[in-house]
Each structure stands twice: as C-alpha cells, then as structure tokens.
Protein backbone atom coordinates (compact mmCIF):
# COMPACT_ATOMS: atom_id res chain seq x y z
CA MET A 1 0.91 22.22 -11.25
CA ARG A 2 -2.68 20.86 -10.82
CA ALA A 3 -3.14 18.13 -8.23
CA LEU A 4 -6.07 15.90 -7.29
CA ILE A 5 -6.03 14.43 -3.88
CA THR A 6 -8.76 11.95 -2.56
CA GLY A 7 -8.94 11.83 1.12
CA GLY A 8 -7.89 15.23 1.07
CA ARG A 9 -9.37 16.28 4.38
CA GLY A 10 -7.54 13.45 6.47
CA GLY A 11 -4.15 13.87 7.86
CA ILE A 12 -2.14 12.64 5.18
CA GLY A 13 -4.30 14.13 2.43
CA VAL A 14 -4.06 17.62 4.08
CA ALA A 15 -0.08 17.24 4.54
CA ILE A 16 0.34 16.37 1.16
CA ALA A 17 -1.69 19.53 0.08
CA GLU A 18 0.54 21.61 2.21
CA ALA A 19 3.88 20.03 0.89
CA LEU A 20 2.66 20.97 -2.88
CA GLY A 21 3.13 24.73 -1.90
CA ASP A 22 1.47 26.60 -4.46
CA ALA A 23 0.03 23.90 -6.45
CA GLU A 24 -3.74 24.07 -7.59
CA VAL A 25 -4.99 21.52 -5.64
CA THR A 26 -8.33 19.72 -5.89
CA ALA A 27 -9.12 17.79 -2.36
CA LEU A 28 -11.90 15.22 -2.70
CA ASP A 29 -13.34 13.85 0.65
CA LEU A 30 -16.20 11.89 1.94
CA ALA A 31 -16.81 14.42 4.40
CA ASP A 32 -17.53 16.97 1.47
CA GLY A 33 -19.90 14.48 -0.27
CA PHE A 34 -17.32 13.04 -2.75
CA ASP A 35 -17.44 9.34 -2.43
CA VAL A 36 -14.38 7.56 -4.21
CA GLY A 37 -16.25 4.38 -4.74
CA ASP A 38 -18.88 5.59 -6.86
CA PRO A 39 -18.30 5.70 -10.59
CA HIS A 40 -20.89 8.50 -10.98
CA ALA A 41 -18.90 10.82 -8.64
CA TRP A 42 -15.77 10.25 -11.06
CA ARG A 43 -17.78 10.68 -14.26
CA ALA A 44 -18.88 14.03 -12.84
CA LEU A 45 -15.52 15.34 -11.82
CA GLU A 46 -14.41 18.38 -13.74
CA GLY A 47 -10.93 19.81 -14.53
CA GLU A 48 -7.58 18.42 -15.92
CA PHE A 49 -4.67 17.49 -13.80
CA ASP A 50 -1.01 16.94 -14.05
CA ALA A 51 -0.61 14.97 -10.56
CA ALA A 52 -2.99 12.99 -8.44
CA PHE A 53 -2.51 11.13 -5.06
CA LEU A 54 -5.38 8.47 -4.41
CA ASN A 55 -4.97 8.60 -0.77
CA ALA A 56 -8.46 7.66 0.46
CA GLY A 57 -8.72 4.80 2.62
CA ILE A 58 -10.11 3.47 5.86
CA VAL A 59 -9.56 0.19 8.31
CA THR A 60 -12.58 -2.17 9.29
CA GLY A 61 -11.31 -2.46 12.89
CA GLU A 62 -12.35 -6.00 12.68
CA THR A 63 -9.95 -8.65 13.66
CA ASP A 64 -12.36 -11.72 14.00
CA ILE A 65 -13.43 -12.97 10.49
CA ALA A 66 -16.61 -14.39 11.99
CA ALA A 67 -17.70 -10.94 13.21
CA LEU A 68 -17.19 -9.20 9.94
CA THR A 69 -20.06 -7.72 8.71
CA ASP A 70 -21.30 -7.02 5.04
CA GLU A 71 -21.14 -3.20 5.53
CA GLN A 72 -17.65 -3.32 6.95
CA TYR A 73 -16.58 -5.60 4.11
CA VAL A 74 -18.06 -3.62 1.23
CA ARG A 75 -17.23 -0.07 2.67
CA ALA A 76 -13.34 -1.18 2.89
CA LEU A 77 -13.49 -2.20 -0.66
CA ARG A 78 -15.15 0.73 -1.97
CA ALA A 79 -12.92 3.01 -0.34
CA ASN A 80 -9.33 1.07 -0.68
CA VAL A 81 -9.90 -0.58 -3.91
CA ASP A 82 -12.83 0.91 -6.07
CA GLY A 83 -11.43 4.36 -5.09
CA VAL A 84 -7.93 3.56 -6.62
CA VAL A 85 -9.41 1.69 -9.61
CA LEU A 86 -12.14 4.21 -10.53
CA GLY A 87 -9.67 7.11 -10.02
CA THR A 88 -6.94 5.62 -12.21
CA ARG A 89 -9.66 5.06 -14.89
CA GLU A 90 -10.50 8.62 -15.07
CA LEU A 91 -6.97 9.98 -14.60
CA ALA A 92 -6.05 7.72 -17.63
CA ARG A 93 -8.57 10.08 -19.54
CA ARG A 94 -7.87 13.38 -17.86
CA LEU A 95 -4.13 13.04 -17.57
CA MET A 96 -3.69 12.74 -21.40
CA PRO A 97 -2.29 13.58 -23.75
CA ASN A 98 0.32 15.54 -21.65
CA GLY A 99 1.02 12.52 -19.18
CA GLY A 100 1.07 12.89 -15.34
CA SER A 101 2.08 10.88 -12.29
CA ILE A 102 -0.36 8.99 -10.07
CA VAL A 103 0.38 7.79 -6.50
CA ALA A 104 -1.83 5.35 -4.88
CA THR A 105 -1.67 5.43 -0.88
CA ALA A 106 -1.44 1.55 -0.11
CA SER A 107 0.23 0.57 3.21
CA LEU A 108 3.01 -1.69 4.61
CA ALA A 109 -0.29 -3.65 5.23
CA GLY A 110 0.06 -4.48 1.33
CA LEU A 111 3.49 -5.92 1.96
CA THR A 112 3.15 -8.11 4.86
CA ALA A 113 0.55 -10.02 7.18
CA VAL A 114 -1.82 -7.96 9.36
CA PRO A 115 -3.63 -9.95 11.76
CA MET A 116 -5.37 -7.21 13.28
CA ASP A 117 -7.27 -6.09 10.32
CA PRO A 118 -6.89 -8.97 7.47
CA ILE A 119 -9.52 -7.12 5.18
CA TYR A 120 -7.71 -3.84 5.26
CA ALA A 121 -4.17 -6.12 4.37
CA LEU A 122 -6.20 -7.69 1.48
CA THR A 123 -7.20 -4.29 0.20
CA LYS A 124 -3.63 -2.88 0.38
CA HIS A 125 -2.28 -6.08 -1.39
CA ALA A 126 -4.76 -5.01 -4.17
CA VAL A 127 -3.74 -1.73 -4.51
CA ILE A 128 0.13 -2.79 -4.88
CA GLY A 129 -0.72 -5.59 -7.37
CA PHE A 130 -3.08 -2.95 -9.46
CA VAL A 131 -0.22 -0.40 -9.36
CA ARG A 132 2.37 -2.87 -10.56
CA SER A 133 0.03 -4.27 -13.15
CA MET A 134 -1.21 -1.11 -14.41
CA ALA A 135 2.32 0.65 -15.03
CA PRO A 136 3.12 -0.62 -18.42
CA GLN A 137 -0.28 0.29 -20.03
CA LEU A 138 -0.23 3.83 -18.34
CA ALA A 139 3.49 4.17 -19.56
CA SER A 140 2.50 3.85 -23.15
CA ARG A 141 0.06 6.93 -22.37
CA GLY A 142 2.94 8.72 -20.74
CA ILE A 143 1.69 8.41 -17.34
CA LYS A 144 3.61 7.30 -14.23
CA ILE A 145 1.73 5.24 -11.31
CA ASN A 146 3.58 4.32 -8.19
CA ALA A 147 2.39 3.05 -4.66
CA LEU A 148 2.99 4.61 -1.25
CA CYS A 149 3.58 2.29 1.66
CA PRO A 150 3.34 4.02 4.70
CA GLY A 151 3.75 2.39 8.16
CA PHE A 152 1.70 3.55 11.22
CA THR A 153 1.08 7.41 11.00
CA ASP A 154 -0.23 9.69 13.26
CA THR A 155 -3.61 9.96 11.76
CA ALA A 156 -7.16 9.09 12.74
CA ILE A 157 -7.06 5.81 10.70
CA VAL A 158 -5.01 4.52 13.59
CA PRO A 159 -7.37 3.80 16.48
CA SER A 160 -6.04 5.06 20.04
CA GLU A 161 -6.00 1.73 21.41
CA VAL A 162 -3.58 0.53 18.50
CA HIS A 163 -1.41 3.77 19.18
CA ALA A 164 -1.20 2.37 23.01
CA ALA A 165 -0.46 -1.09 21.98
CA LEU A 166 2.42 -0.10 19.19
CA GLY A 167 5.44 0.52 21.36
CA VAL A 168 6.82 1.90 18.23
CA PRO A 169 7.17 5.75 17.01
CA LEU A 170 4.30 6.88 14.83
CA MET A 171 5.44 8.87 11.85
CA GLU A 172 4.24 12.59 11.33
CA PRO A 173 2.04 13.19 8.08
CA SER A 174 4.22 15.92 6.91
CA PHE A 175 6.98 13.13 6.45
CA VAL A 176 4.64 10.66 4.71
CA ALA A 177 3.60 13.56 2.41
CA GLN A 178 7.36 14.17 1.33
CA ALA A 179 7.71 10.62 0.72
CA ALA A 180 4.33 11.12 -1.34
CA LEU A 181 6.08 13.77 -3.40
CA GLN A 182 9.17 11.49 -3.93
CA ALA A 183 7.07 8.60 -5.20
CA LEU A 184 5.10 11.24 -7.49
CA ASN A 185 8.71 12.33 -9.00
CA ASP A 186 9.91 8.71 -9.48
CA GLU A 187 11.82 8.38 -12.90
CA GLU A 188 10.37 4.83 -12.74
CA THR A 189 6.91 3.49 -12.55
CA GLY A 190 5.24 0.79 -10.96
CA ARG A 191 6.91 0.99 -7.81
CA ALA A 192 6.03 0.40 -4.23
CA TRP A 193 7.58 2.96 -1.89
CA VAL A 194 8.14 1.93 1.50
CA VAL A 195 7.70 4.68 4.01
CA GLN A 196 9.04 4.10 7.78
CA PRO A 197 10.52 6.31 10.45
CA ASN A 198 13.72 7.94 8.78
CA ARG A 199 13.28 5.58 6.03
CA ILE A 200 11.85 6.10 2.26
CA VAL A 201 13.02 3.38 -0.06
CA PRO A 202 11.44 1.34 -2.98
CA PHE A 203 10.34 -2.16 -2.13
CA ARG A 204 12.60 -4.99 -3.82
CA PHE A 205 10.28 -7.44 -5.01
CA PRO A 206 11.73 -10.82 -5.35
CA ASN A 207 11.26 -12.58 -8.50
CA ILE A 208 8.76 -15.65 -8.51
CA PRO A 209 10.76 -19.01 -8.93
CA GLY A 210 11.04 -20.35 -12.52
CA PRO A 211 9.79 -24.05 -13.45
CA ARG A 212 12.37 -26.79 -12.42
CA PRO A 213 14.07 -28.45 -15.23
C-alpha cells in the first residue's frame, strides 16, 4: 500500500504511519515545509497513492469572537478546510483509475457545539459536510471517503490547560490510528466515524424533517 498522511509529524499522523506497518508512507507536514492550504504545494506533489489520510489540523485557541484575529481565522481555515478540499481534489486525480480510500480527520467538534473554540467547530462541521457531499461523486470514480471524528486525544493540539480542565480520559493516538484504519477500510462511503474511549462507531445522522402536508 502507498499511503499519504498530512499532519504526518503530529501525534495522530505518526500513529497512523506506525499502524500502517510496512506500507510505503509519504508524510506531509508544515514542519517540513508542506502547507496543506497551498494549492501550489498540492500540484507539485509527486507519486500515486492507494490511500490518504487528510489529517492536518489546528485549533485557534480563541474563545472570544471579538478577540479573534484575521490571522487566527485564516490559518484555521487553510489548515482544517482548505487542506481537506485541496487534498481531495488532487487525490481524485491521483487515485484514479484504480480507486482508493480517503480518510479526512474531522472531530467530535464537527458534530456538536464547542464554545471553547467556535472557529475550530466551524471548520470541522465543514469537513463532515464536505465528506458526506463528496462521497457520491468520488464513488463514481471508485474512491471512498469517510470522516474520522475523534474526541480529546493526547496530542499537542490539546492545550495543557484544557487537559487539566477536562476531567475525562484522553485517548492515545494509537487508538485513534486504529479507528482511522477502520474508516479507511469501511465498505461504505460518506460516513463520519465517532471515536471515543473504547468506542468506534459510525454516527447515525437523523433525516431532516420533510414538508408539512
């Protein structure tokens, strides 16, 4: 297997690479100069892949919308949303004609309200909506795409003060990585996999109400 991982130097990215065993892994990370929000970086990417984990993501760390800076806002959108959209676009070209599977890391923040970082929640809701909406189009190309929605994980993205205030167990990156592989091998597409301590399940989206007669 040839696999691509964005955010490949972070806790979950490293754990996914380890979980893939002897797969040929291409790890992309801002620490190495690859900006997932830059379309030119994606166009310059070389190689073909069987699987991809669009895992790069950041928090703003800002609770107060009045204090949110332009830089915080744009940086979160580039990493969390543009990185998934641009990555999926490039992979739709590179995974053909043999198909493949994409896992986009969203978050439980994409399924619920997150007052401690509303912009992070916005970006993760966007990822889940994008994955669900893209699935039928990619399926026609033989490509599956699913979203990974982990809760709080013991990585650098969770600030130390949040660690202390949570009062809930943090998941190990290795557990989230196993969930990522489960999402990768999902026989269905367009699903959002909820990952919580000792629980990995697809989220059951309720149907929207129809019009009243």
